[in-house]
N, C-alpha and C. Protein backbone atom coordinates (compact mmCIF):
# COMPACT_ATOMS: atom_id res chain seq x y z
N MET A 1 33.38 6.48 -17.61
CA MET A 1 32.68 5.81 -16.45
C MET A 1 31.49 4.91 -16.21
N ASN A 2 31.59 3.38 -15.59
CA ASN A 2 31.14 2.56 -15.19
C ASN A 2 30.11 2.95 -14.41
N TYR A 3 28.79 2.10 -14.70
CA TYR A 3 27.19 1.83 -14.16
C TYR A 3 27.56 1.94 -12.64
N ASN A 4 28.16 1.61 -11.89
CA ASN A 4 28.02 2.28 -10.25
C ASN A 4 28.32 4.09 -10.49
N ASP A 5 29.48 4.18 -10.71
CA ASP A 5 30.32 5.49 -10.48
C ASP A 5 29.00 6.51 -11.32
N LYS A 6 27.98 6.16 -11.97
CA LYS A 6 27.22 7.54 -12.37
C LYS A 6 26.42 6.68 -11.94
N LEU A 7 25.90 5.73 -10.64
CA LEU A 7 24.36 5.57 -10.12
C LEU A 7 25.03 6.34 -9.03
N TRP A 8 26.39 6.15 -7.86
CA TRP A 8 26.37 7.08 -6.82
C TRP A 8 26.60 9.29 -7.74
N GLN A 9 27.07 8.61 -8.61
CA GLN A 9 26.89 11.00 -8.85
C GLN A 9 25.51 10.81 -8.35
N VAL A 10 24.21 10.08 -9.20
CA VAL A 10 22.61 10.62 -9.86
C VAL A 10 22.37 10.49 -8.04
N LYS A 11 23.38 9.47 -6.73
CA LYS A 11 22.59 9.28 -5.88
C LYS A 11 22.56 10.70 -4.97
N GLN A 12 23.98 11.11 -4.57
CA GLN A 12 24.47 11.94 -4.94
C GLN A 12 23.55 13.36 -5.01
N PHE A 13 23.54 13.65 -6.24
CA PHE A 13 23.26 14.66 -6.33
C PHE A 13 21.28 14.51 -5.97
N ILE A 14 20.43 13.40 -6.25
CA ILE A 14 19.33 13.87 -5.58
C ILE A 14 19.08 13.81 -4.45
N GLU A 15 20.36 13.26 -3.66
CA GLU A 15 20.41 13.70 -2.11
C GLU A 15 20.38 15.11 -2.00
N GLU A 16 21.68 15.61 -2.47
CA GLU A 16 21.95 17.20 -2.57
C GLU A 16 21.02 18.16 -2.95
N ASN A 17 19.79 17.58 -3.69
CA ASN A 17 19.19 18.93 -4.40
C ASN A 17 17.26 18.43 -4.13
N PHE A 18 17.04 17.29 -3.84
CA PHE A 18 16.23 17.50 -4.05
C PHE A 18 15.23 16.98 -2.60
N ASP A 19 14.61 17.74 -1.70
CA ASP A 19 13.65 17.06 -0.71
C ASP A 19 12.28 17.07 -0.63
N ASP A 20 11.82 17.50 -2.14
CA ASP A 20 10.27 17.55 -2.24
C ASP A 20 10.32 15.91 -3.46
N PRO A 21 9.72 14.63 -2.55
CA PRO A 21 9.34 13.10 -3.77
C PRO A 21 9.11 13.77 -4.40
N VAL A 22 8.03 15.14 -4.61
CA VAL A 22 7.13 15.04 -5.93
C VAL A 22 8.13 16.18 -7.27
N GLU A 23 8.75 16.23 -6.28
CA GLU A 23 10.04 17.51 -7.77
C GLU A 23 10.85 16.21 -7.92
N LEU A 24 11.28 14.96 -7.12
CA LEU A 24 11.96 14.48 -8.02
C LEU A 24 11.48 13.26 -8.99
N THR A 25 10.58 13.05 -8.74
CA THR A 25 9.57 12.76 -9.80
C THR A 25 9.21 12.65 -11.13
N ILE A 26 8.78 13.51 -10.63
CA ILE A 26 8.76 15.35 -12.02
C ILE A 26 10.54 15.12 -12.84
N ALA A 27 11.09 15.23 -12.07
CA ALA A 27 13.21 15.77 -12.65
C ALA A 27 13.36 14.03 -13.30
N LEU A 28 12.44 12.72 -12.93
CA LEU A 28 12.66 11.72 -13.06
C LEU A 28 12.22 10.93 -14.60
N GLY A 29 10.67 12.44 -14.94
CA GLY A 29 9.60 11.57 -15.47
C GLY A 29 9.26 10.56 -15.59
N LEU A 30 9.22 10.48 -14.18
CA LEU A 30 8.37 9.13 -13.73
C LEU A 30 6.54 9.44 -13.21
N SER A 31 5.86 8.01 -13.46
CA SER A 31 4.15 7.83 -13.99
C SER A 31 4.21 6.63 -12.03
N VAL A 32 2.76 7.25 -11.81
CA VAL A 32 2.20 6.12 -11.35
C VAL A 32 2.27 4.98 -11.40
N ASP A 33 2.22 4.98 -12.78
CA ASP A 33 2.30 3.36 -13.52
C ASP A 33 4.11 2.65 -13.13
N ASP A 34 4.68 3.90 -13.73
CA ASP A 34 6.49 3.77 -13.52
C ASP A 34 6.72 2.96 -12.18
N LEU A 35 5.76 3.58 -11.34
CA LEU A 35 6.29 3.75 -9.75
C LEU A 35 5.71 2.43 -9.55
N VAL A 36 5.00 2.25 -9.85
CA VAL A 36 3.72 0.62 -9.36
C VAL A 36 5.28 -0.45 -10.28
N LEU A 37 4.83 -0.52 -11.66
CA LEU A 37 6.27 -1.42 -12.15
C LEU A 37 7.40 -1.18 -11.34
N LEU A 38 8.20 -0.35 -10.67
CA LEU A 38 8.99 -0.75 -10.32
C LEU A 38 9.21 -0.50 -8.80
N LEU A 39 8.23 -0.69 -8.44
CA LEU A 39 8.13 -0.95 -6.87
C LEU A 39 7.08 -1.85 -6.01
N PRO A 40 6.88 -3.18 -6.79
CA PRO A 40 5.98 -3.50 -6.31
C PRO A 40 5.93 -4.33 -5.04
N ASP A 41 6.81 -4.09 -5.09
CA ASP A 41 7.31 -5.40 -3.17
C ASP A 41 6.64 -4.11 -2.20
N VAL A 42 7.22 -2.62 -1.89
CA VAL A 42 7.08 -1.71 -1.74
C VAL A 42 5.62 -1.45 -1.15
N LEU A 43 5.00 -1.63 -2.52
CA LEU A 43 3.64 -1.09 -2.49
C LEU A 43 2.38 -2.22 -1.67
N VAL A 44 3.13 -3.33 -2.02
CA VAL A 44 2.17 -4.26 -1.08
C VAL A 44 2.73 -4.76 -0.13
N ALA A 45 4.19 -4.44 0.27
CA ALA A 45 4.92 -4.10 1.78
C ALA A 45 3.66 -2.59 2.35
N ASN A 46 2.95 -1.90 2.18
CA ASN A 46 2.78 -0.76 2.88
C ASN A 46 1.28 -1.06 2.42
N TYR A 47 -0.11 -2.01 1.63
CA TYR A 47 -0.60 -1.96 2.09
C TYR A 47 -1.47 -1.95 3.04
N HIS A 48 -1.53 -1.89 4.57
CA HIS A 48 -2.06 -1.57 5.77
C HIS A 48 -2.09 0.08 5.66
N LYS A 49 -1.66 0.47 4.83
CA LYS A 49 -1.63 1.73 4.79
C LYS A 49 -2.65 2.25 4.59
N PHE A 50 -3.13 1.62 2.98
CA PHE A 50 -4.22 2.33 2.42
C PHE A 50 -5.16 1.22 2.70
N PHE A 51 -5.31 0.50 3.58
CA PHE A 51 -6.48 -0.01 3.72
C PHE A 51 -6.75 -0.80 5.12
N GLN A 52 -7.94 -1.29 5.24
CA GLN A 52 -7.58 -1.67 6.81
C GLN A 52 -7.93 -2.96 6.42
N THR A 53 -6.94 -4.01 7.31
CA THR A 53 -6.85 -5.23 7.31
C THR A 53 -7.58 -6.46 7.86
N ASN A 54 -8.04 -7.04 6.83
CA ASN A 54 -9.14 -7.60 7.80
C ASN A 54 -9.15 -9.24 7.52
N ASP A 55 -8.24 -10.20 8.52
CA ASP A 55 -8.24 -10.98 8.28
C ASP A 55 -9.43 -12.05 8.64
N ASP A 56 -10.50 -11.63 8.95
CA ASP A 56 -11.40 -12.58 9.27
C ASP A 56 -12.24 -12.70 7.22
N THR A 57 -13.20 -14.05 7.11
CA THR A 57 -13.78 -13.50 6.33
C THR A 57 -15.74 -13.96 6.98
N GLU A 58 -16.14 -14.08 5.50
CA GLU A 58 -17.97 -14.11 6.11
C GLU A 58 -18.16 -15.17 6.29
N ASP A 59 -17.73 -16.30 6.13
CA ASP A 59 -17.92 -17.19 6.21
C ASP A 59 -17.66 -18.07 8.34
N GLU A 60 -15.95 -16.88 8.76
CA GLU A 60 -16.25 -17.41 9.92
C GLU A 60 -16.68 -16.55 10.57
N LEU A 61 -17.05 -15.82 10.22
CA LEU A 61 -17.78 -14.29 10.52
C LEU A 61 -19.29 -15.15 11.33
N GLU A 62 -19.51 -15.73 10.20
CA GLU A 62 -21.11 -16.34 10.61
C GLU A 62 -20.83 -17.55 11.05
N GLU A 63 -20.12 -18.12 11.75
CA GLU A 63 -20.25 -19.44 12.65
C GLU A 63 -20.07 -18.92 13.75
N ASP A 64 -19.39 -17.42 14.05
CA ASP A 64 -19.37 -17.00 15.75
C ASP A 64 -20.16 -16.67 15.84
N GLU A 65 -20.95 -16.52 15.43
CA GLU A 65 -22.57 -15.20 15.61
C GLU A 65 -23.99 -16.52 15.88
N PRO A 66 -24.85 -16.62 17.02
CA PRO A 66 -25.70 -17.72 17.18
C PRO A 66 -26.16 -17.31 15.94
N PRO A 67 -26.96 -19.14 16.07
CA PRO A 67 -28.01 -18.97 14.88
C PRO A 67 -29.54 -18.34 15.22
N ASP A 68 -29.76 -17.83 14.46
CA ASP A 68 -31.03 -17.04 14.87
C ASP A 68 -32.60 -17.39 14.11
N PHE A 69 -32.71 -18.41 14.86
CA PHE A 69 -34.51 -19.01 15.20
C PHE A 69 -35.70 -18.09 15.34
N GLY A 70 -35.45 -16.58 15.21
CA GLY A 70 -36.69 -15.41 15.14
C GLY A 70 -37.62 -15.49 16.77
N THR A 71 -36.59 -15.32 16.99
CA THR A 71 -37.20 -15.94 18.69
C THR A 71 -36.21 -14.54 19.88
N GLY A 72 -36.60 -14.47 20.55
CA GLY A 72 -36.22 -14.15 21.56
C GLY A 72 -36.54 -12.68 21.50
N GLU A 73 -35.46 -11.99 22.33
CA GLU A 73 -35.76 -10.08 23.36
C GLU A 73 -35.89 -9.38 22.68
N ASP A 74 -35.86 -9.43 21.23
CA ASP A 74 -35.73 -8.91 20.49
C ASP A 74 -36.56 -9.08 18.95
N TRP A 75 -37.46 -10.23 19.34
CA TRP A 75 -38.19 -10.47 18.47
C TRP A 75 -39.68 -9.87 18.72
N GLU A 76 -40.26 -9.30 17.41
CA GLU A 76 -41.74 -8.81 18.06
C GLU A 76 -43.41 -10.03 16.66
N GLU A 77 -44.32 -10.01 17.32
CA GLU A 77 -45.18 -10.89 16.66
C GLU A 77 -45.75 -9.63 15.68
């Protein structure tokens, strides 16, 4: 039996017997570190699911704000 045949059989077995990713991860003996090493592109592609993306930098935000000269409606003596 060649590699592709074994892969197809294991894939079929997983599809028929596992519907819980945690159980599958345990059955395969994978750790979080293993998943990071095996699926880096998937993790990066899903970055937005874990972190709020903000393309503005502090420098750009400071440029958008008017200069503060210490006077105006909010200024107190």
